[in-house]
Amino acid sequence: MTQIYENDQGSSSKSRKLVMRCNLTKKFFMTIPPHALLESNCCISMYEPIFSEIVEESMGAREDQWKRILGAKANGRTCNVYIYIDKFNSPITDLQATIH
């Protein structure tokens, strides 16, 4: 099940917003907008997710990222998708339009 969030996360100078939380499949991964931050909900240590990367633009680069996701065993696990506010005018609308 996919959950969509509208709450702010973090307080860094680049504000980010948690917009989705769902199981990571290749089909879902390929629909995430470029420049979103994808983080696994599973961690190696208390503050280090098993996978955390900015989603690439090109499909070739995404295929390479998917291989890293498989290598980290993050596929099929819950992941969080964050967007940086400066990258999108209306984060929730843009993300929903891209995925649907």
PDB file of N, CA and C in Angstrom:
ATOM      1  N   MET A   1       0.836  -1.181   0.000  1.00  0.00           N
ATOM      2  CA  MET A   1       0.000   0.000   0.000  1.00  0.00           C
ATOM      3  C   MET A   1       0.878   1.239   0.000  1.00  0.00           C
ATOM      4  N   THR A   2       0.543   2.199  -0.808  1.00  0.00           N
ATOM      5  CA  THR A   2       1.281   3.447  -0.892  1.00  0.00           C
ATOM      6  C   THR A   2       0.619   4.486  -0.012  1.00  0.00           C
ATOM      7  N   GLN A   3       1.420   5.177   0.754  1.00  0.00           N
ATOM      8  CA  GLN A   3       0.917   6.255   1.585  1.00  0.00           C
ATOM      9  C   GLN A   3       1.517   7.556   1.091  1.00  0.00           C
ATOM     10  N   ILE A   4       0.725   8.599   1.025  1.00  0.00           N
ATOM     11  CA  ILE A   4       1.202   9.906   0.595  1.00  0.00           C
ATOM     12  C   ILE A   4       1.186  10.841   1.795  1.00  0.00           C
ATOM     13  N   TYR A   5       2.290  11.550   1.992  1.00  0.00           N
ATOM     14  CA  TYR A   5       2.462  12.423   3.139  1.00  0.00           C
ATOM     15  C   TYR A   5       2.570  13.869   2.694  1.00  0.00           C
ATOM     16  N   GLU A   6       2.182  14.768   3.580  1.00  0.00           N
ATOM     17  CA  GLU A   6       2.339  16.184   3.294  1.00  0.00           C
ATOM     18  C   GLU A   6       3.062  16.897   4.427  1.00  0.00           C
ATOM     19  N   ASN A   7       3.669  16.175   5.345  1.00  0.00           N
ATOM     20  CA  ASN A   7       4.340  16.807   6.472  1.00  0.00           C
ATOM     21  C   ASN A   7       5.803  17.100   6.139  1.00  0.00           C
ATOM     22  N   ASP A   8       6.328  18.189   6.690  1.00  0.00           N
ATOM     23  CA  ASP A   8       7.731  18.550   6.474  1.00  0.00           C
ATOM     24  C   ASP A   8       8.629  17.629   7.283  1.00  0.00           C
ATOM     25  N   GLN A   9       9.775  17.320   6.712  1.00  0.00           N
ATOM     26  CA  GLN A   9      10.771  16.499   7.393  1.00  0.00           C
ATOM     27  C   GLN A   9      12.093  17.236   7.375  1.00  0.00           C
ATOM     28  N   GLY A  10      12.784  17.242   8.485  1.00  0.00           N
ATOM     29  CA  GLY A  10      14.109  17.844   8.535  1.00  0.00           C
ATOM     30  C   GLY A  10      14.041  19.358   8.640  1.00  0.00           C
ATOM     31  N   SER A  11      15.172  19.939   8.999  1.00  0.00           N
ATOM     32  CA  SER A  11      15.217  21.391   9.138  1.00  0.00           C
ATOM     33  C   SER A  11      16.483  21.949   8.508  1.00  0.00           C
ATOM     34  N   SER A  12      17.004  21.274   7.489  1.00  0.00           N
ATOM     35  CA  SER A  12      18.212  21.755   6.835  1.00  0.00           C
ATOM     36  C   SER A  12      17.869  22.938   5.951  1.00  0.00           C
ATOM     37  N   SER A  13      18.911  23.588   5.409  1.00  0.00           N
ATOM     38  CA  SER A  13      18.681  24.742   4.552  1.00  0.00           C
ATOM     39  C   SER A  13      17.924  24.334   3.294  1.00  0.00           C
ATOM     40  N   LYS A  14      18.115  23.097   2.835  1.00  0.00           N
ATOM     41  CA  LYS A  14      17.326  22.565   1.726  1.00  0.00           C
ATOM     42  C   LYS A  14      16.207  21.765   2.350  1.00  0.00           C
ATOM     43  N   SER A  15      15.043  22.345   2.399  1.00  0.00           N
ATOM     44  CA  SER A  15      13.917  21.674   3.035  1.00  0.00           C
ATOM     45  C   SER A  15      13.447  20.508   2.178  1.00  0.00           C
ATOM     46  N   ARG A  16      13.187  19.395   2.800  1.00  0.00           N
ATOM     47  CA  ARG A  16      12.673  18.240   2.073  1.00  0.00           C
ATOM     48  C   ARG A  16      11.355  17.809   2.672  1.00  0.00           C
ATOM     49  N   LYS A  17      10.590  17.124   1.862  1.00  0.00           N
ATOM     50  CA  LYS A  17       9.253  16.701   2.254  1.00  0.00           C
ATOM     51  C   LYS A  17       9.119  15.210   1.982  1.00  0.00           C
ATOM     52  N   LEU A  18       8.662  14.465   2.985  1.00  0.00           N
ATOM     53  CA  LEU A  18       8.358  13.053   2.806  1.00  0.00           C
ATOM     54  C   LEU A  18       7.025  12.985   2.081  1.00  0.00           C
ATOM     55  N   VAL A  19       7.034  12.434   0.879  1.00  0.00           N
ATOM     56  CA  VAL A  19       5.805  12.430   0.097  1.00  0.00           C
ATOM     57  C   VAL A  19       5.214  11.048  -0.103  1.00  0.00           C
ATOM     58  N   MET A  20       6.034  10.007  -0.003  1.00  0.00           N
ATOM     59  CA  MET A  20       5.492   8.658  -0.178  1.00  0.00           C
ATOM     60  C   MET A  20       6.263   7.666   0.668  1.00  0.00           C
ATOM     61  N   ARG A  21       5.565   6.625   1.054  1.00  0.00           N
ATOM     62  CA  ARG A  21       6.174   5.486   1.754  1.00  0.00           C
ATOM     63  C   ARG A  21       5.484   4.241   1.215  1.00  0.00           C
ATOM     64  N   CYS A  22       6.262   3.333   0.649  1.00  0.00           N
ATOM     65  CA  CYS A  22       5.667   2.114   0.086  1.00  0.00           C
ATOM     66  C   CYS A  22       6.744   1.057  -0.096  1.00  0.00           C
ATOM     67  N   ASN A  23       6.328  -0.140  -0.501  1.00  0.00           N
ATOM     68  CA  ASN A  23       7.285  -1.202  -0.811  1.00  0.00           C
ATOM     69  C   ASN A  23       7.966  -0.868  -2.128  1.00  0.00           C
ATOM     70  N   LEU A  24       9.265  -1.072  -2.186  1.00  0.00           N
ATOM     71  CA  LEU A  24      10.052  -0.704  -3.354  1.00  0.00           C
ATOM     72  C   LEU A  24      10.051  -1.822  -4.391  1.00  0.00           C
ATOM     73  N   THR A  25       9.383  -1.552  -5.491  1.00  0.00           N
ATOM     74  CA  THR A  25       9.399  -2.461  -6.641  1.00  0.00           C
ATOM     75  C   THR A  25      10.064  -1.726  -7.796  1.00  0.00           C
ATOM     76  N   LYS A  26      10.492  -2.469  -8.792  1.00  0.00           N
ATOM     77  CA  LYS A  26      11.119  -1.830  -9.945  1.00  0.00           C
ATOM     78  C   LYS A  26      10.113  -0.947 -10.667  1.00  0.00           C
ATOM     79  N   LYS A  27       8.888  -1.411 -10.795  1.00  0.00           N
ATOM     80  CA  LYS A  27       7.856  -0.629 -11.473  1.00  0.00           C
ATOM     81  C   LYS A  27       7.654   0.710 -10.763  1.00  0.00           C
ATOM     82  N   PHE A  28       7.542   0.683  -9.447  1.00  0.00           N
ATOM     83  CA  PHE A  28       7.390   1.923  -8.684  1.00  0.00           C
ATOM     84  C   PHE A  28       8.641   2.793  -8.816  1.00  0.00           C
ATOM     85  N   PHE A  29       9.807   2.191  -8.683  1.00  0.00           N
ATOM     86  CA  PHE A  29      11.062   2.941  -8.761  1.00  0.00           C
ATOM     87  C   PHE A  29      11.169   3.722 -10.065  1.00  0.00           C
ATOM     88  N   MET A  30      10.771   3.108 -11.161  1.00  0.00           N
ATOM     89  CA  MET A  30      10.885   3.768 -12.462  1.00  0.00           C
ATOM     90  C   MET A  30       9.914   4.936 -12.618  1.00  0.00           C
ATOM     91  N   THR A  31       8.915   5.053 -11.732  1.00  0.00           N
ATOM     92  CA  THR A  31       7.964   6.166 -11.811  1.00  0.00           C
ATOM     93  C   THR A  31       8.312   7.337 -10.900  1.00  0.00           C
ATOM     94  N   ILE A  32       9.286   7.162 -10.025  1.00  0.00           N
ATOM     95  CA  ILE A  32       9.660   8.251  -9.117  1.00  0.00           C
ATOM     96  C   ILE A  32      10.298   9.375  -9.931  1.00  0.00           C
ATOM     97  N   PRO A  33       9.904  10.624  -9.675  1.00  0.00           N
ATOM     98  CA  PRO A  33      10.485  11.722 -10.440  1.00  0.00           C
ATOM     99  C   PRO A  33      11.982  11.866 -10.167  1.00  0.00           C
ATOM    100  N   PRO A  34      12.739  12.301 -11.179  1.00  0.00           N
ATOM    101  CA  PRO A  34      14.166  12.512 -10.969  1.00  0.00           C
ATOM    102  C   PRO A  34      14.405  13.549  -9.872  1.00  0.00           C
ATOM    103  N   HIS A  35      15.524  13.402  -9.213  1.00  0.00           N
ATOM    104  CA  HIS A  35      15.993  14.302  -8.147  1.00  0.00           C
ATOM    105  C   HIS A  35      15.289  14.073  -6.820  1.00  0.00           C
ATOM    106  N   ALA A  36      14.367  13.110  -6.749  1.00  0.00           N
ATOM    107  CA  ALA A  36      13.773  12.759  -5.456  1.00  0.00           C
ATOM    108  C   ALA A  36      14.803  11.928  -4.689  1.00  0.00           C
ATOM    109  N   LEU A  37      14.719  11.958  -3.387  1.00  0.00           N
ATOM    110  CA  LEU A  37      15.606  11.158  -2.545  1.00  0.00           C
ATOM    111  C   LEU A  37      14.868   9.885  -2.172  1.00  0.00           C
ATOM    112  N   LEU A  38      15.473   8.746  -2.476  1.00  0.00           N
ATOM    113  CA  LEU A  38      14.904   7.448  -2.145  1.00  0.00           C
ATOM    114  C   LEU A  38      15.719   6.845  -1.019  1.00  0.00           C
ATOM    115  N   GLU A  39      15.069   6.528   0.084  1.00  0.00           N
ATOM    116  CA  GLU A  39      15.748   5.922   1.234  1.00  0.00           C
ATOM    117  C   GLU A  39      14.992   4.692   1.695  1.00  0.00           C
ATOM    118  N   SER A  40      15.747   3.648   1.947  1.00  0.00           N
ATOM    119  CA  SER A  40      15.151   2.446   2.524  1.00  0.00           C
ATOM    120  C   SER A  40      14.766   2.726   3.974  1.00  0.00           C
ATOM    121  N   ASN A  41      13.717   2.067   4.415  1.00  0.00           N
ATOM    122  CA  ASN A  41      13.285   2.168   5.799  1.00  0.00           C
ATOM    123  C   ASN A  41      14.131   1.260   6.698  1.00  0.00           C
ATOM    124  N   CYS A  42      14.877   0.332   6.099  1.00  0.00           N
ATOM    125  CA  CYS A  42      15.752  -0.578   6.848  1.00  0.00           C
ATOM    126  C   CYS A  42      17.132   0.050   6.970  1.00  0.00           C
ATOM    127  N   CYS A  43      17.743  -0.138   8.109  1.00  0.00           N
ATOM    128  CA  CYS A  43      19.030   0.514   8.364  1.00  0.00           C
ATOM    129  C   CYS A  43      20.137  -0.482   8.670  1.00  0.00           C
ATOM    130  N   ILE A  44      21.366  -0.082   8.270  1.00  0.00           N
ATOM    131  CA  ILE A  44      22.570  -0.831   8.630  1.00  0.00           C
ATOM    132  C   ILE A  44      22.896  -0.546  10.089  1.00  0.00           C
ATOM    133  N   SER A  45      22.869   0.720  10.436  1.00  0.00           N
ATOM    134  CA  SER A  45      23.062   1.157  11.813  1.00  0.00           C
ATOM    135  C   SER A  45      21.920   2.114  12.145  1.00  0.00           C
ATOM    136  N   MET A  46      21.950   2.700  13.302  1.00  0.00           N
ATOM    137  CA  MET A  46      20.833   3.519  13.743  1.00  0.00           C
ATOM    138  C   MET A  46      20.479   4.641  12.762  1.00  0.00           C
ATOM    139  N   TYR A  47      21.473   5.252  12.108  1.00  0.00           N
ATOM    140  CA  TYR A  47      21.212   6.406  11.237  1.00  0.00           C
ATOM    141  C   TYR A  47      21.640   6.190   9.797  1.00  0.00           C
ATOM    142  N   GLU A  48      21.893   4.961   9.390  1.00  0.00           N
ATOM    143  CA  GLU A  48      22.372   4.698   8.033  1.00  0.00           C
ATOM    144  C   GLU A  48      21.468   3.691   7.322  1.00  0.00           C
ATOM    145  N   PRO A  49      20.633   4.193   6.375  1.00  0.00           N
ATOM    146  CA  PRO A  49      19.764   3.275   5.631  1.00  0.00           C
ATOM    147  C   PRO A  49      20.574   2.344   4.734  1.00  0.00           C
ATOM    148  N   ILE A  50      20.033   1.172   4.436  1.00  0.00           N
ATOM    149  CA  ILE A  50      20.752   0.235   3.570  1.00  0.00           C
ATOM    150  C   ILE A  50      20.857   0.768   2.144  1.00  0.00           C
ATOM    151  N   PHE A  51      19.960   1.688   1.783  1.00  0.00           N
ATOM    152  CA  PHE A  51      20.037   2.344   0.473  1.00  0.00           C
ATOM    153  C   PHE A  51      19.515   3.758   0.608  1.00  0.00           C
ATOM    154  N   SER A  52      20.259   4.719   0.073  1.00  0.00           N
ATOM    155  CA  SER A  52      19.840   6.121   0.089  1.00  0.00           C
ATOM    156  C   SER A  52      20.538   6.835  -1.055  1.00  0.00           C
ATOM    157  N   GLU A  53      19.771   7.211  -2.084  1.00  0.00           N
ATOM    158  CA  GLU A  53      20.331   7.902  -3.240  1.00  0.00           C
ATOM    159  C   GLU A  53      19.301   8.834  -3.846  1.00  0.00           C
ATOM    160  N   ILE A  54      19.808   9.848  -4.545  1.00  0.00           N
ATOM    161  CA  ILE A  54      18.965  10.719  -5.352  1.00  0.00           C
ATOM    162  C   ILE A  54      18.630   9.951  -6.630  1.00  0.00           C
ATOM    163  N   VAL A  55      17.374   9.946  -7.023  1.00  0.00           N
ATOM    164  CA  VAL A  55      16.939   9.205  -8.207  1.00  0.00           C
ATOM    165  C   VAL A  55      17.468   9.898  -9.469  1.00  0.00           C
ATOM    166  N   GLU A  56      18.069   9.098 -10.335  1.00  0.00           N
ATOM    167  CA  GLU A  56      18.672   9.603 -11.577  1.00  0.00           C
ATOM    168  C   GLU A  56      17.599   9.958 -12.604  1.00  0.00           C
ATOM    169  N   GLU A  57      18.004  10.764 -13.606  1.00  0.00           N
ATOM    170  CA  GLU A  57      17.072  11.166 -14.674  1.00  0.00           C
ATOM    171  C   GLU A  57      16.950  10.119 -15.767  1.00  0.00           C
ATOM    172  N   SER A  58      18.071   9.644 -16.281  1.00  0.00           N
ATOM    173  CA  SER A  58      18.026   8.757 -17.452  1.00  0.00           C
ATOM    174  C   SER A  58      17.669   7.325 -17.053  1.00  0.00           C
ATOM    175  N   MET A  59      17.016   6.625 -17.962  1.00  0.00           N
ATOM    176  CA  MET A  59      16.622   5.244 -17.699  1.00  0.00           C
ATOM    177  C   MET A  59      17.843   4.338 -17.565  1.00  0.00           C
ATOM    178  N   GLY A  60      18.898   4.602 -18.333  1.00  0.00           N
ATOM    179  CA  GLY A  60      20.120   3.810 -18.207  1.00  0.00           C
ATOM    180  C   GLY A  60      20.723   3.925 -16.818  1.00  0.00           C
ATOM    181  N   ALA A  61      20.768   5.146 -16.301  1.00  0.00           N
ATOM    182  CA  ALA A  61      21.293   5.368 -14.950  1.00  0.00           C
ATOM    183  C   ALA A  61      20.377   4.744 -13.907  1.00  0.00           C
ATOM    184  N   ARG A  62      19.073   4.759 -14.157  1.00  0.00           N
ATOM    185  CA  ARG A  62      18.137   4.130 -13.218  1.00  0.00           C
ATOM    186  C   ARG A  62      18.308   2.610 -13.193  1.00  0.00           C
ATOM    187  N   GLU A  63      18.612   2.026 -14.347  1.00  0.00           N
ATOM    188  CA  GLU A  63      18.875   0.575 -14.378  1.00  0.00           C
ATOM    189  C   GLU A  63      20.080   0.254 -13.493  1.00  0.00           C
ATOM    190  N   ASP A  64      21.113   1.091 -13.566  1.00  0.00           N
ATOM    191  CA  ASP A  64      22.284   0.903 -12.695  1.00  0.00           C
ATOM    192  C   ASP A  64      21.903   1.089 -11.227  1.00  0.00           C
ATOM    193  N   GLN A  65      21.055   2.089 -10.955  1.00  0.00           N
ATOM    194  CA  GLN A  65      20.593   2.286  -9.577  1.00  0.00           C
ATOM    195  C   GLN A  65      19.806   1.076  -9.099  1.00  0.00           C
ATOM    196  N   TRP A  66      18.978   0.519  -9.959  1.00  0.00           N
ATOM    197  CA  TRP A  66      18.180  -0.653  -9.569  1.00  0.00           C
ATOM    198  C   TRP A  66      19.111  -1.808  -9.186  1.00  0.00           C
ATOM    199  N   LYS A  67      20.214  -1.964  -9.903  1.00  0.00           N
ATOM    200  CA  LYS A  67      21.183  -3.015  -9.548  1.00  0.00           C
ATOM    201  C   LYS A  67      21.759  -2.767  -8.160  1.00  0.00           C
ATOM    202  N   ARG A  68      22.009  -1.491  -7.825  1.00  0.00           N
ATOM    203  CA  ARG A  68      22.509  -1.171  -6.480  1.00  0.00           C
ATOM    204  C   ARG A  68      21.433  -1.435  -5.426  1.00  0.00           C
ATOM    205  N   ILE A  69      20.176  -1.175  -5.763  1.00  0.00           N
ATOM    206  CA  ILE A  69      19.067  -1.472  -4.846  1.00  0.00           C
ATOM    207  C   ILE A  69      19.014  -2.966  -4.566  1.00  0.00           C
ATOM    208  N   LEU A  70      19.127  -3.771  -5.623  1.00  0.00           N
ATOM    209  CA  LEU A  70      19.144  -5.234  -5.455  1.00  0.00           C
ATOM    210  C   LEU A  70      20.343  -5.668  -4.615  1.00  0.00           C
ATOM    211  N   GLY A  71      21.504  -5.055  -4.880  1.00  0.00           N
ATOM    212  CA  GLY A  71      22.714  -5.388  -4.121  1.00  0.00           C
ATOM    213  C   GLY A  71      22.577  -5.065  -2.638  1.00  0.00           C
ATOM    214  N   ALA A  72      21.853  -3.999  -2.348  1.00  0.00           N
ATOM    215  CA  ALA A  72      21.635  -3.607  -0.948  1.00  0.00           C
ATOM    216  C   ALA A  72      20.483  -4.385  -0.310  1.00  0.00           C
ATOM    217  N   LYS A  73      19.790  -5.182  -1.128  1.00  0.00           N
ATOM    218  CA  LYS A  73      18.618  -5.939  -0.677  1.00  0.00           C
ATOM    219  C   LYS A  73      17.511  -5.024  -0.155  1.00  0.00           C
ATOM    220  N   ALA A  74      17.359  -3.873  -0.832  1.00  0.00           N
ATOM    221  CA  ALA A  74      16.320  -2.915  -0.463  1.00  0.00           C
ATOM    222  C   ALA A  74      15.035  -3.148  -1.252  1.00  0.00           C
ATOM    223  N   ASN A  75      15.103  -3.955  -2.311  1.00  0.00           N
ATOM    224  CA  ASN A  75      13.903  -4.219  -3.112  1.00  0.00           C
ATOM    225  C   ASN A  75      12.871  -4.985  -2.290  1.00  0.00           C
ATOM    226  N   GLY A  76      11.603  -4.608  -2.479  1.00  0.00           N
ATOM    227  CA  GLY A  76      10.519  -5.265  -1.753  1.00  0.00           C
ATOM    228  C   GLY A  76      10.341  -4.780  -0.330  1.00  0.00           C
ATOM    229  N   ARG A  77      11.219  -3.918   0.122  1.00  0.00           N
ATOM    230  CA  ARG A  77      11.134  -3.390   1.487  1.00  0.00           C
ATOM    231  C   ARG A  77      10.513  -1.997   1.464  1.00  0.00           C
ATOM    232  N   THR A  78      10.067  -1.556   2.606  1.00  0.00           N
ATOM    233  CA  THR A  78       9.484  -0.224   2.702  1.00  0.00           C
ATOM    234  C   THR A  78      10.560   0.822   2.424  1.00  0.00           C
ATOM    235  N   CYS A  79      10.179   1.812   1.618  1.00  0.00           N
ATOM    236  CA  CYS A  79      11.099   2.910   1.327  1.00  0.00           C
ATOM    237  C   CYS A  79      10.358   4.227   1.511  1.00  0.00           C
ATOM    238  N   ASN A  80      11.133   5.262   1.688  1.00  0.00           N
ATOM    239  CA  ASN A  80      10.604   6.613   1.810  1.00  0.00           C
ATOM    240  C   ASN A  80      11.076   7.413   0.611  1.00  0.00           C
ATOM    241  N   VAL A  81      10.193   8.214   0.043  1.00  0.00           N
ATOM    242  CA  VAL A  81      10.536   9.088  -1.066  1.00  0.00           C
ATOM    243  C   VAL A  81      10.383  10.516  -0.575  1.00  0.00           C
ATOM    244  N   TYR A  82      11.480  11.249  -0.634  1.00  0.00           N
ATOM    245  CA  TYR A  82      11.489  12.649  -0.242  1.00  0.00           C
ATOM    246  C   TYR A  82      11.734  13.494  -1.486  1.00  0.00           C
ATOM    247  N   ILE A  83      11.180  14.677  -1.497  1.00  0.00           N
ATOM    248  CA  ILE A  83      11.548  15.622  -2.533  1.00  0.00           C
ATOM    249  C   ILE A  83      12.045  16.885  -1.860  1.00  0.00           C
ATOM    250  N   TYR A  84      12.963  17.537  -2.527  1.00  0.00           N
ATOM    251  CA  TYR A  84      13.464  18.817  -2.044  1.00  0.00           C
ATOM    252  C   TYR A  84      12.546  19.895  -2.582  1.00  0.00           C
ATOM    253  N   ILE A  85      12.083  20.753  -1.720  1.00  0.00           N
ATOM    254  CA  ILE A  85      11.063  21.736  -2.051  1.00  0.00           C
ATOM    255  C   ILE A  85      11.482  22.620  -3.222  1.00  0.00           C
ATOM    256  N   ASP A  86      12.750  22.936  -3.336  1.00  0.00           N
ATOM    257  CA  ASP A  86      13.193  23.813  -4.419  1.00  0.00           C
ATOM    258  C   ASP A  86      13.144  23.146  -5.794  1.00  0.00           C
ATOM    259  N   LYS A  87      12.947  21.826  -5.864  1.00  0.00           N
ATOM    260  CA  LYS A  87      12.907  21.122  -7.148  1.00  0.00           C
ATOM    261  C   LYS A  87      11.508  21.077  -7.762  1.00  0.00           C
ATOM    262  N   PHE A  88      10.469  21.250  -6.945  1.00  0.00           N
ATOM    263  CA  PHE A  88       9.095  21.136  -7.419  1.00  0.00           C
ATOM    264  C   PHE A  88       8.284  22.317  -6.899  1.00  0.00           C
ATOM    265  N   ASN A  89       7.392  22.829  -7.714  1.00  0.00           N
ATOM    266  CA  ASN A  89       6.524  23.927  -7.274  1.00  0.00           C
ATOM    267  C   ASN A  89       5.456  23.423  -6.321  1.00  0.00           C
ATOM    268  N   SER A  90       4.827  22.337  -6.665  1.00  0.00           N
ATOM    269  CA  SER A  90       3.774  21.754  -5.857  1.00  0.00           C
ATOM    270  C   SER A  90       4.092  20.274  -5.668  1.00  0.00           C
ATOM    271  N   PRO A  91       4.873  19.926  -4.635  1.00  0.00           N
ATOM    272  CA  PRO A  91       5.413  18.573  -4.504  1.00  0.00           C
ATOM    273  C   PRO A  91       4.396  17.449  -4.602  1.00  0.00           C
ATOM    274  N   ILE A  92       3.320  17.526  -3.872  1.00  0.00           N
ATOM    275  CA  ILE A  92       2.366  16.429  -3.849  1.00  0.00           C
ATOM    276  C   ILE A  92       1.715  16.270  -5.217  1.00  0.00           C
ATOM    277  N   THR A  93       1.273  17.361  -5.803  1.00  0.00           N
ATOM    278  CA  THR A  93       0.625  17.315  -7.111  1.00  0.00           C
ATOM    279  C   THR A  93       1.578  16.776  -8.180  1.00  0.00           C
ATOM    280  N   ASP A  94       2.821  17.296  -8.214  1.00  0.00           N
ATOM    281  CA  ASP A  94       3.791  16.845  -9.208  1.00  0.00           C
ATOM    282  C   ASP A  94       4.080  15.362  -9.077  1.00  0.00           C
ATOM    283  N   LEU A  95       4.266  14.886  -7.856  1.00  0.00           N
ATOM    284  CA  LEU A  95       4.597  13.483  -7.655  1.00  0.00           C
ATOM    285  C   LEU A  95       3.417  12.590  -8.033  1.00  0.00           C
ATOM    286  N   GLN A  96       2.222  12.969  -7.607  1.00  0.00           N
ATOM    287  CA  GLN A  96       1.043  12.155  -7.948  1.00  0.00           C
ATOM    288  C   GLN A  96       0.830  12.116  -9.459  1.00  0.00           C
ATOM    289  N   ALA A  97       1.023  13.239 -10.133  1.00  0.00           N
ATOM    290  CA  ALA A  97       0.836  13.292 -11.587  1.00  0.00           C
ATOM    291  C   ALA A  97       1.870  12.418 -12.290  1.00  0.00           C
ATOM    292  N   THR A  98       3.083  12.393 -11.777  1.00  0.00           N
ATOM    293  CA  THR A  98       4.148  11.594 -12.391  1.00  0.00           C
ATOM    294  C   THR A  98       3.870  10.107 -12.223  1.00  0.00           C
ATOM    295  N   ILE A  99       3.393   9.696 -11.064  1.00  0.00           N
ATOM    296  CA  ILE A  99       3.208   8.282 -10.783  1.00  0.00           C
ATOM    297  C   ILE A  99       1.921   7.752 -11.418  1.00  0.00           C
ATOM    298  N   HIS A 100       0.898   8.554 -11.508  1.00  0.00           N
ATOM    299  CA  HIS A 100      -0.377   8.061 -12.063  1.00  0.00           C
ATOM    300  C   HIS A 100      -0.418   8.244 -13.518  1.00  0.00           C
TER     301      HIS A 100
END
